[in-house]
Structure formats: C-alpha cells, structure tokens
Amino acid sequence: MVEEANLLISFIKLGMNKQFIQQAEQLCIFNLNDIMKSKLANLKQDKHFTYTWYVDMLNLLKDQDLLRQFQENQL
C-alpha cells in the first residue's frame, strides 16, 4: 500500500508532461490521490476526457504500483 503522502506528490515531480497535467487539471485531478478517488464512469463523461490521457494515466498508475488498486476501486 502506498503511503498517503506519496499520493499527494505533484504530477510534475512524477515526471508527467505539461499536456497531461493541464488535462488532469481540467478534469479536477491534481495528484495521485485524486485519481485513486475518481470513478472512471464519471471521468469518461467529462468533455475534457480523452483516451490518450487515460492511457497516460494508466501508465502512471502502473509505474507507481497503483494500477491494481485503481482497478479494484472501480468495481
């Protein structure tokens, strides 16, 4: 399990590009904690959601060992 403080690290510090960060902010997502609390169904309905951004998000979660937990949270 990832420590709560690690979930609050900015996307910049995690090495994400400017476009990912801008789109995340448009989706009201500012850190890993926001991703982990989000519901994919709600994200998909947002006009700023794209599958390109989603793939980048999944890769980020995989790199941070959070992908399985995110998937479980969606059930």
C-alpha atoms as a PDB file:
ATOM      1  CA  MET A   1       0.000   0.000   0.000  1.00  0.00           C
ATOM      2  CA  VAL A   2       1.311   3.427  -0.935  1.00  0.00           C
ATOM      3  CA  GLU A   3       1.632   5.969   1.852  1.00  0.00           C
ATOM      4  CA  GLU A   4      -0.911   8.791   1.770  1.00  0.00           C
ATOM      5  CA  ALA A   5       1.834  11.446   1.486  1.00  0.00           C
ATOM      6  CA  ASN A   6       3.101   9.790  -1.708  1.00  0.00           C
ATOM      7  CA  LEU A   7      -0.347  10.144  -3.244  1.00  0.00           C
ATOM      8  CA  LEU A   8      -0.123  13.913  -2.858  1.00  0.00           C
ATOM      9  CA  ILE A   9       3.058  14.360  -4.913  1.00  0.00           C
ATOM     10  CA  SER A  10       2.546  16.663  -7.892  1.00  0.00           C
ATOM     11  CA  PHE A  11       2.435  15.281 -11.392  1.00  0.00           C
ATOM     12  CA  ILE A  12       5.435  17.445 -12.283  1.00  0.00           C
ATOM     13  CA  LYS A  13       7.550  15.663  -9.675  1.00  0.00           C
ATOM     14  CA  LEU A  14       6.326  12.357 -11.072  1.00  0.00           C
ATOM     15  CA  GLY A  15       7.656  13.350 -14.495  1.00  0.00           C
ATOM     16  CA  MET A  16       4.376  13.855 -16.297  1.00  0.00           C
ATOM     17  CA  ASN A  17       4.296  16.151 -19.303  1.00  0.00           C
ATOM     18  CA  LYS A  18       2.616  19.547 -19.414  1.00  0.00           C
ATOM     19  CA  GLN A  19      -0.250  18.351 -21.611  1.00  0.00           C
ATOM     20  CA  PHE A  20      -1.125  15.522 -19.196  1.00  0.00           C
ATOM     21  CA  ILE A  21      -1.053  17.939 -16.256  1.00  0.00           C
ATOM     22  CA  GLN A  22      -3.236  20.521 -17.999  1.00  0.00           C
ATOM     23  CA  GLN A  23      -5.805  17.954 -18.986  1.00  0.00           C
ATOM     24  CA  ALA A  24      -5.788  16.438 -15.499  1.00  0.00           C
ATOM     25  CA  GLU A  25      -6.453  19.870 -14.028  1.00  0.00           C
ATOM     26  CA  GLN A  26      -9.393  20.313 -16.417  1.00  0.00           C
ATOM     27  CA  LEU A  27     -10.719  17.034 -15.011  1.00  0.00           C
ATOM     28  CA  CYS A  28     -10.150  18.370 -11.440  1.00  0.00           C
ATOM     29  CA  ILE A  29      -7.359  15.868 -10.849  1.00  0.00           C
ATOM     30  CA  PHE A  30      -4.248  17.313  -9.230  1.00  0.00           C
ATOM     31  CA  ASN A  31      -2.401  14.299  -7.811  1.00  0.00           C
ATOM     32  CA  LEU A  32      -2.477  10.511  -7.475  1.00  0.00           C
ATOM     33  CA  ASN A  33      -4.915  10.723  -4.588  1.00  0.00           C
ATOM     34  CA  ASP A  34      -7.448  12.432  -6.859  1.00  0.00           C
ATOM     35  CA  ILE A  35      -7.000   9.675  -9.444  1.00  0.00           C
ATOM     36  CA  MET A  36      -7.460   6.952  -6.867  1.00  0.00           C
ATOM     37  CA  LYS A  37     -10.687   8.539  -5.617  1.00  0.00           C
ATOM     38  CA  SER A  38     -12.110   9.140  -9.084  1.00  0.00           C
ATOM     39  CA  LYS A  39     -14.645   6.965 -10.845  1.00  0.00           C
ATOM     40  CA  LEU A  40     -13.886   6.119 -14.444  1.00  0.00           C
ATOM     41  CA  ALA A  41     -17.536   6.357 -15.450  1.00  0.00           C
ATOM     42  CA  ASN A  42     -17.635   9.972 -14.265  1.00  0.00           C
ATOM     43  CA  LEU A  43     -14.319  10.838 -15.915  1.00  0.00           C
ATOM     44  CA  LYS A  44     -15.475   9.455 -19.251  1.00  0.00           C
ATOM     45  CA  GLN A  45     -18.473  11.773 -19.218  1.00  0.00           C
ATOM     46  CA  ASP A  46     -16.322  14.894 -18.826  1.00  0.00           C
ATOM     47  CA  LYS A  47     -15.778  16.841 -22.050  1.00  0.00           C
ATOM     48  CA  HIS A  48     -12.029  17.055 -21.277  1.00  0.00           C
ATOM     49  CA  PHE A  49     -11.574  13.276 -21.062  1.00  0.00           C
ATOM     50  CA  THR A  50      -9.609  11.571 -23.839  1.00  0.00           C
ATOM     51  CA  TYR A  51      -8.393   8.018 -24.146  1.00  0.00           C
ATOM     52  CA  THR A  52      -4.873   9.310 -24.833  1.00  0.00           C
ATOM     53  CA  TRP A  53      -4.886  10.969 -21.419  1.00  0.00           C
ATOM     54  CA  TYR A  54      -6.406   7.830 -19.896  1.00  0.00           C
ATOM     55  CA  VAL A  55      -3.618   5.620 -21.265  1.00  0.00           C
ATOM     56  CA  ASP A  56      -1.024   8.017 -19.821  1.00  0.00           C
ATOM     57  CA  MET A  57      -2.860   7.877 -16.501  1.00  0.00           C
ATOM     58  CA  LEU A  58      -2.868   4.065 -16.529  1.00  0.00           C
ATOM     59  CA  ASN A  59       0.858   4.008 -17.298  1.00  0.00           C
ATOM     60  CA  LEU A  60       1.483   6.403 -14.417  1.00  0.00           C
ATOM     61  CA  LEU A  61      -0.519   4.198 -12.057  1.00  0.00           C
ATOM     62  CA  LYS A  62       1.382   1.151 -13.265  1.00  0.00           C
ATOM     63  CA  ASP A  63       4.718   2.903 -12.670  1.00  0.00           C
ATOM     64  CA  GLN A  64       3.572   3.802  -9.148  1.00  0.00           C
ATOM     65  CA  ASP A  65       2.269   0.279  -8.411  1.00  0.00           C
ATOM     66  CA  LEU A  66      -1.267   1.614  -8.082  1.00  0.00           C
ATOM     67  CA  LEU A  67      -2.943   0.162 -11.168  1.00  0.00           C
ATOM     68  CA  ARG A  68      -4.445  -2.899  -9.493  1.00  0.00           C
ATOM     69  CA  GLN A  69      -5.786  -0.800  -6.616  1.00  0.00           C
ATOM     70  CA  PHE A  70      -7.315   1.681  -9.072  1.00  0.00           C
ATOM     71  CA  GLN A  71      -8.981  -1.158 -10.956  1.00  0.00           C
ATOM     72  CA  GLU A  72     -10.356  -2.631  -7.743  1.00  0.00           C
ATOM     73  CA  ASN A  73     -11.700   0.781  -6.726  1.00  0.00           C
ATOM     74  CA  GLN A  74     -13.691   0.899  -9.967  1.00  0.00           C
ATOM     75  CA  LEU A  75     -15.692  -2.221  -9.116  1.00  0.00           C
END
